[in-house]
Amino acid sequence: MFGLGMQEIIVIALIVLLLFGGKKIPELMKGLGKGVKSFKDGMKEIDDDKSDDKSSSEK
């Protein structure tokens, strides 16, 4: 996973836990998930627009 070993991932997780605390992490992950979903939806919309432009220019 991105060239990271298990030890590095554990250290990063511990740092995040110390910085944000246990109660904030679910909130942060929820926000991150919404951001990723929004990004994917935006990319899909761009792809749909490009395919619509190609089909309308072929006619």
PDB file of N, CA and C in Angstrom:
ATOM      1  N   MET A   1       0.847  -1.175   0.000  1.00  0.00           N
ATOM      2  CA  MET A   1       0.000   0.000   0.000  1.00  0.00           C
ATOM      3  C   MET A   1       0.891   1.237   0.000  1.00  0.00           C
ATOM      4  N   PHE A   2       1.113   1.835  -1.138  1.00  0.00           N
ATOM      5  CA  PHE A   2       1.908   3.050  -1.307  1.00  0.00           C
ATOM      6  C   PHE A   2       3.317   2.911  -0.744  1.00  0.00           C
ATOM      7  N   GLY A   3       3.828   1.715  -0.708  1.00  0.00           N
ATOM      8  CA  GLY A   3       5.177   1.502  -0.208  1.00  0.00           C
ATOM      9  C   GLY A   3       5.297   1.616   1.297  1.00  0.00           C
ATOM     10  N   LEU A   4       4.186   1.586   2.001  1.00  0.00           N
ATOM     11  CA  LEU A   4       4.200   1.673   3.457  1.00  0.00           C
ATOM     12  C   LEU A   4       4.071   0.279   4.052  1.00  0.00           C
ATOM     13  N   GLY A   5       4.868   0.027   5.058  1.00  0.00           N
ATOM     14  CA  GLY A   5       4.776  -1.234   5.769  1.00  0.00           C
ATOM     15  C   GLY A   5       3.768  -1.146   6.896  1.00  0.00           C
ATOM     16  N   MET A   6       3.547  -2.260   7.553  1.00  0.00           N
ATOM     17  CA  MET A   6       2.573  -2.302   8.637  1.00  0.00           C
ATOM     18  C   MET A   6       2.989  -1.386   9.791  1.00  0.00           C
ATOM     19  N   GLN A   7       4.273  -1.311  10.077  1.00  0.00           N
ATOM     20  CA  GLN A   7       4.740  -0.461  11.174  1.00  0.00           C
ATOM     21  C   GLN A   7       4.463   1.014  10.893  1.00  0.00           C
ATOM     22  N   GLU A   8       4.688   1.455   9.662  1.00  0.00           N
ATOM     23  CA  GLU A   8       4.433   2.854   9.324  1.00  0.00           C
ATOM     24  C   GLU A   8       2.953   3.189   9.422  1.00  0.00           C
ATOM     25  N   ILE A   9       2.113   2.265   8.992  1.00  0.00           N
ATOM     26  CA  ILE A   9       0.667   2.492   9.053  1.00  0.00           C
ATOM     27  C   ILE A   9       0.216   2.598  10.509  1.00  0.00           C
ATOM     28  N   ILE A  10       0.756   1.743  11.371  1.00  0.00           N
ATOM     29  CA  ILE A  10       0.398   1.784  12.792  1.00  0.00           C
ATOM     30  C   ILE A  10       0.852   3.100  13.418  1.00  0.00           C
ATOM     31  N   VAL A  11       2.045   3.560  13.086  1.00  0.00           N
ATOM     32  CA  VAL A  11       2.542   4.825  13.630  1.00  0.00           C
ATOM     33  C   VAL A  11       1.659   5.984  13.169  1.00  0.00           C
ATOM     34  N   ILE A  12       1.291   5.998  11.901  1.00  0.00           N
ATOM     35  CA  ILE A  12       0.414   7.056  11.382  1.00  0.00           C
ATOM     36  C   ILE A  12      -0.939   7.016  12.082  1.00  0.00           C
ATOM     37  N   ALA A  13      -1.492   5.816  12.273  1.00  0.00           N
ATOM     38  CA  ALA A  13      -2.783   5.679  12.957  1.00  0.00           C
ATOM     39  C   ALA A  13      -2.694   6.178  14.395  1.00  0.00           C
ATOM     40  N   LEU A  14      -1.613   5.885  15.078  1.00  0.00           N
ATOM     41  CA  LEU A  14      -1.447   6.357  16.462  1.00  0.00           C
ATOM     42  C   LEU A  14      -1.329   7.877  16.520  1.00  0.00           C
ATOM     43  N   ILE A  15      -0.622   8.464  15.579  1.00  0.00           N
ATOM     44  CA  ILE A  15      -0.483   9.919  15.544  1.00  0.00           C
ATOM     45  C   ILE A  15      -1.842  10.570  15.304  1.00  0.00           C
ATOM     46  N   VAL A  16      -2.614  10.013  14.376  1.00  0.00           N
ATOM     47  CA  VAL A  16      -3.950  10.548  14.108  1.00  0.00           C
ATOM     48  C   VAL A  16      -4.815  10.416  15.353  1.00  0.00           C
ATOM     49  N   LEU A  17      -4.724   9.279  16.032  1.00  0.00           N
ATOM     50  CA  LEU A  17      -5.506   9.070  17.244  1.00  0.00           C
ATOM     51  C   LEU A  17      -5.128  10.085  18.327  1.00  0.00           C
ATOM     52  N   LEU A  18      -3.839  10.352  18.472  1.00  0.00           N
ATOM     53  CA  LEU A  18      -3.395  11.321  19.470  1.00  0.00           C
ATOM     54  C   LEU A  18      -3.817  12.741  19.120  1.00  0.00           C
ATOM     55  N   LEU A  19      -3.748  13.090  17.840  1.00  0.00           N
ATOM     56  CA  LEU A  19      -4.090  14.450  17.425  1.00  0.00           C
ATOM     57  C   LEU A  19      -5.586  14.739  17.529  1.00  0.00           C
ATOM     58  N   PHE A  20      -6.405  13.802  17.091  1.00  0.00           N
ATOM     59  CA  PHE A  20      -7.835  14.073  16.984  1.00  0.00           C
ATOM     60  C   PHE A  20      -8.673  13.423  18.071  1.00  0.00           C
ATOM     61  N   GLY A  21      -8.159  12.429  18.748  1.00  0.00           N
ATOM     62  CA  GLY A  21      -8.928  11.757  19.786  1.00  0.00           C
ATOM     63  C   GLY A  21      -9.873  10.725  19.199  1.00  0.00           C
ATOM     64  N   GLY A  22     -10.296   9.815  20.018  1.00  0.00           N
ATOM     65  CA  GLY A  22     -11.139   8.701  19.572  1.00  0.00           C
ATOM     66  C   GLY A  22     -12.517   9.106  19.111  1.00  0.00           C
ATOM     67  N   LYS A  23     -13.071  10.166  19.681  1.00  0.00           N
ATOM     68  CA  LYS A  23     -14.443  10.559  19.331  1.00  0.00           C
ATOM     69  C   LYS A  23     -14.510  11.309  18.013  1.00  0.00           C
ATOM     70  N   LYS A  24     -13.434  11.954  17.616  1.00  0.00           N
ATOM     71  CA  LYS A  24     -13.432  12.756  16.387  1.00  0.00           C
ATOM     72  C   LYS A  24     -13.157  11.918  15.141  1.00  0.00           C
ATOM     73  N   ILE A  25     -12.505  10.778  15.288  1.00  0.00           N
ATOM     74  CA  ILE A  25     -12.086   9.989  14.122  1.00  0.00           C
ATOM     75  C   ILE A  25     -13.279   9.532  13.269  1.00  0.00           C
ATOM     76  N   PRO A  26     -14.367   8.991  13.838  1.00  0.00           N
ATOM     77  CA  PRO A  26     -15.514   8.621  12.978  1.00  0.00           C
ATOM     78  C   PRO A  26     -16.067   9.807  12.197  1.00  0.00           C
ATOM     79  N   GLU A  27     -16.084  10.972  12.841  1.00  0.00           N
ATOM     80  CA  GLU A  27     -16.559  12.186  12.174  1.00  0.00           C
ATOM     81  C   GLU A  27     -15.652  12.548  10.991  1.00  0.00           C
ATOM     82  N   LEU A  28     -14.338  12.447  11.213  1.00  0.00           N
ATOM     83  CA  LEU A  28     -13.383  12.749  10.150  1.00  0.00           C
ATOM     84  C   LEU A  28     -13.515  11.775   8.992  1.00  0.00           C
ATOM     85  N   MET A  29     -13.679  10.490   9.308  1.00  0.00           N
ATOM     86  CA  MET A  29     -13.804   9.477   8.257  1.00  0.00           C
ATOM     87  C   MET A  29     -15.097   9.659   7.466  1.00  0.00           C
ATOM     88  N   LYS A  30     -16.169  10.066   8.160  1.00  0.00           N
ATOM     89  CA  LYS A  30     -17.437  10.326   7.475  1.00  0.00           C
ATOM     90  C   LYS A  30     -17.270  11.479   6.483  1.00  0.00           C
ATOM     91  N   GLY A  31     -16.603  12.530   6.922  1.00  0.00           N
ATOM     92  CA  GLY A  31     -16.344  13.667   6.039  1.00  0.00           C
ATOM     93  C   GLY A  31     -15.456  13.289   4.870  1.00  0.00           C
ATOM     94  N   LEU A  32     -14.453  12.466   5.138  1.00  0.00           N
ATOM     95  CA  LEU A  32     -13.567  12.002   4.073  1.00  0.00           C
ATOM     96  C   LEU A  32     -14.337  11.159   3.057  1.00  0.00           C
ATOM     97  N   GLY A  33     -15.207  10.287   3.550  1.00  0.00           N
ATOM     98  CA  GLY A  33     -16.027   9.457   2.658  1.00  0.00           C
ATOM     99  C   GLY A  33     -16.935  10.292   1.781  1.00  0.00           C
ATOM    100  N   LYS A  34     -17.549  11.321   2.368  1.00  0.00           N
ATOM    101  CA  LYS A  34     -18.414  12.209   1.581  1.00  0.00           C
ATOM    102  C   LYS A  34     -17.611  12.952   0.519  1.00  0.00           C
ATOM    103  N   GLY A  35     -16.397  13.350   0.880  1.00  0.00           N
ATOM    104  CA  GLY A  35     -15.544  14.049  -0.084  1.00  0.00           C
ATOM    105  C   GLY A  35     -15.149  13.153  -1.250  1.00  0.00           C
ATOM    106  N   VAL A  36     -14.804  11.909  -0.955  1.00  0.00           N
ATOM    107  CA  VAL A  36     -14.432  10.962  -2.013  1.00  0.00           C
ATOM    108  C   VAL A  36     -15.627  10.675  -2.907  1.00  0.00           C
ATOM    109  N   LYS A  37     -16.814  10.505  -2.301  1.00  0.00           N
ATOM    110  CA  LYS A  37     -18.021  10.241  -3.093  1.00  0.00           C
ATOM    111  C   LYS A  37     -18.331  11.423  -4.001  1.00  0.00           C
ATOM    112  N   SER A  38     -18.194  12.628  -3.481  1.00  0.00           N
ATOM    113  CA  SER A  38     -18.442  13.828  -4.275  1.00  0.00           C
ATOM    114  C   SER A  38     -17.453  13.914  -5.436  1.00  0.00           C
ATOM    115  N   PHE A  39     -16.194  13.590  -5.167  1.00  0.00           N
ATOM    116  CA  PHE A  39     -15.172  13.611  -6.217  1.00  0.00           C
ATOM    117  C   PHE A  39     -15.499  12.595  -7.308  1.00  0.00           C
ATOM    118  N   LYS A  40     -15.886  11.384  -6.910  1.00  0.00           N
ATOM    119  CA  LYS A  40     -16.239  10.348  -7.888  1.00  0.00           C
ATOM    120  C   LYS A  40     -17.443  10.766  -8.722  1.00  0.00           C
ATOM    121  N   ASP A  41     -18.456  11.349  -8.056  1.00  0.00           N
ATOM    122  CA  ASP A  41     -19.637  11.810  -8.792  1.00  0.00           C
ATOM    123  C   ASP A  41     -19.268  12.900  -9.796  1.00  0.00           C
ATOM    124  N   GLY A  42     -18.380  13.796  -9.398  1.00  0.00           N
ATOM    125  CA  GLY A  42     -17.929  14.852 -10.304  1.00  0.00           C
ATOM    126  C   GLY A  42     -17.173  14.293 -11.496  1.00  0.00           C
ATOM    127  N   MET A  43     -16.317  13.302 -11.260  1.00  0.00           N
ATOM    128  CA  MET A  43     -15.572  12.684 -12.356  1.00  0.00           C
ATOM    129  C   MET A  43     -16.517  11.952 -13.303  1.00  0.00           C
ATOM    130  N   LYS A  44     -17.534  11.285 -12.742  1.00  0.00           N
ATOM    131  CA  LYS A  44     -18.505  10.578 -13.580  1.00  0.00           C
ATOM    132  C   LYS A  44     -19.285  11.575 -14.428  1.00  0.00           C
ATOM    133  N   GLU A  45     -19.639  12.709 -13.831  1.00  0.00           N
ATOM    134  CA  GLU A  45     -20.381  13.741 -14.557  1.00  0.00           C
ATOM    135  C   GLU A  45     -19.545  14.292 -15.713  1.00  0.00           C
ATOM    136  N   ILE A  46     -18.267  14.487 -15.489  1.00  0.00           N
ATOM    137  CA  ILE A  46     -17.377  14.970 -16.549  1.00  0.00           C
ATOM    138  C   ILE A  46     -17.294  13.951 -17.675  1.00  0.00           C
ATOM    139  N   ASP A  47     -17.162  12.668 -17.311  1.00  0.00           N
ATOM    140  CA  ASP A  47     -17.108  11.612 -18.327  1.00  0.00           C
ATOM    141  C   ASP A  47     -18.410  11.553 -19.123  1.00  0.00           C
ATOM    142  N   ASP A  48     -19.554  11.711 -18.431  1.00  0.00           N
ATOM    143  CA  ASP A  48     -20.842  11.698 -19.121  1.00  0.00           C
ATOM    144  C   ASP A  48     -20.952  12.876 -20.083  1.00  0.00           C
ATOM    145  N   ASP A  49     -20.480  14.043 -19.660  1.00  0.00           N
ATOM    146  CA  ASP A  49     -20.520  15.214 -20.526  1.00  0.00           C
ATOM    147  C   ASP A  49     -19.655  15.015 -21.766  1.00  0.00           C
ATOM    148  N   LYS A  50     -18.480  14.401 -21.575  1.00  0.00           N
ATOM    149  CA  LYS A  50     -17.601  14.146 -22.721  1.00  0.00           C
ATOM    150  C   LYS A  50     -18.237  13.168 -23.694  1.00  0.00           C
ATOM    151  N   SER A  51     -18.873  12.118 -23.182  1.00  0.00           N
ATOM    152  CA  SER A  51     -19.498  11.138 -24.076  1.00  0.00           C
ATOM    153  C   SER A  51     -20.699  11.749 -24.783  1.00  0.00           C
ATOM    154  N   ASP A  52     -21.428  12.651 -24.104  1.00  0.00           N
ATOM    155  CA  ASP A  52     -22.549  13.340 -24.744  1.00  0.00           C
ATOM    156  C   ASP A  52     -22.052  14.253 -25.865  1.00  0.00           C
ATOM    157  N   ASP A  53     -20.927  14.926 -25.639  1.00  0.00           N
ATOM    158  CA  ASP A  53     -20.359  15.799 -26.659  1.00  0.00           C
ATOM    159  C   ASP A  53     -19.909  15.003 -27.872  1.00  0.00           C
ATOM    160  N   LYS A  54     -19.309  13.837 -27.649  1.00  0.00           N
ATOM    161  CA  LYS A  54     -18.865  12.995 -28.760  1.00  0.00           C
ATOM    162  C   LYS A  54     -20.038  12.494 -29.568  1.00  0.00           C
ATOM    163  N   SER A  55     -21.099  12.050 -28.896  1.00  0.00           N
ATOM    164  CA  SER A  55     -22.261  11.517 -29.615  1.00  0.00           C
ATOM    165  C   SER A  55     -22.989  12.612 -30.373  1.00  0.00           C
ATOM    166  N   SER A  56     -23.044  13.820 -29.842  1.00  0.00           N
ATOM    167  CA  SER A  56     -23.757  14.914 -30.533  1.00  0.00           C
ATOM    168  C   SER A  56     -22.917  15.448 -31.709  1.00  0.00           C
ATOM    169  N   SER A  57     -21.606  15.349 -31.631  1.00  0.00           N
ATOM    170  CA  SER A  57     -20.761  15.841 -32.731  1.00  0.00           C
ATOM    171  C   SER A  57     -20.713  14.835 -33.877  1.00  0.00           C
ATOM    172  N   GLU A  58     -21.026  13.560 -33.599  1.00  0.00           N
ATOM    173  CA  GLU A  58     -21.006  12.542 -34.653  1.00  0.00           C
ATOM    174  C   GLU A  58     -22.241  12.656 -35.538  1.00  0.00           C
ATOM    175  N   LYS A  59     -23.292  13.259 -35.059  1.00  0.00           N
ATOM    176  CA  LYS A  59     -24.549  13.351 -35.846  1.00  0.00           C
ATOM    177  C   LYS A  59     -24.476  14.425 -36.865  1.00  0.00           C
TER     178      LYS A  59
END
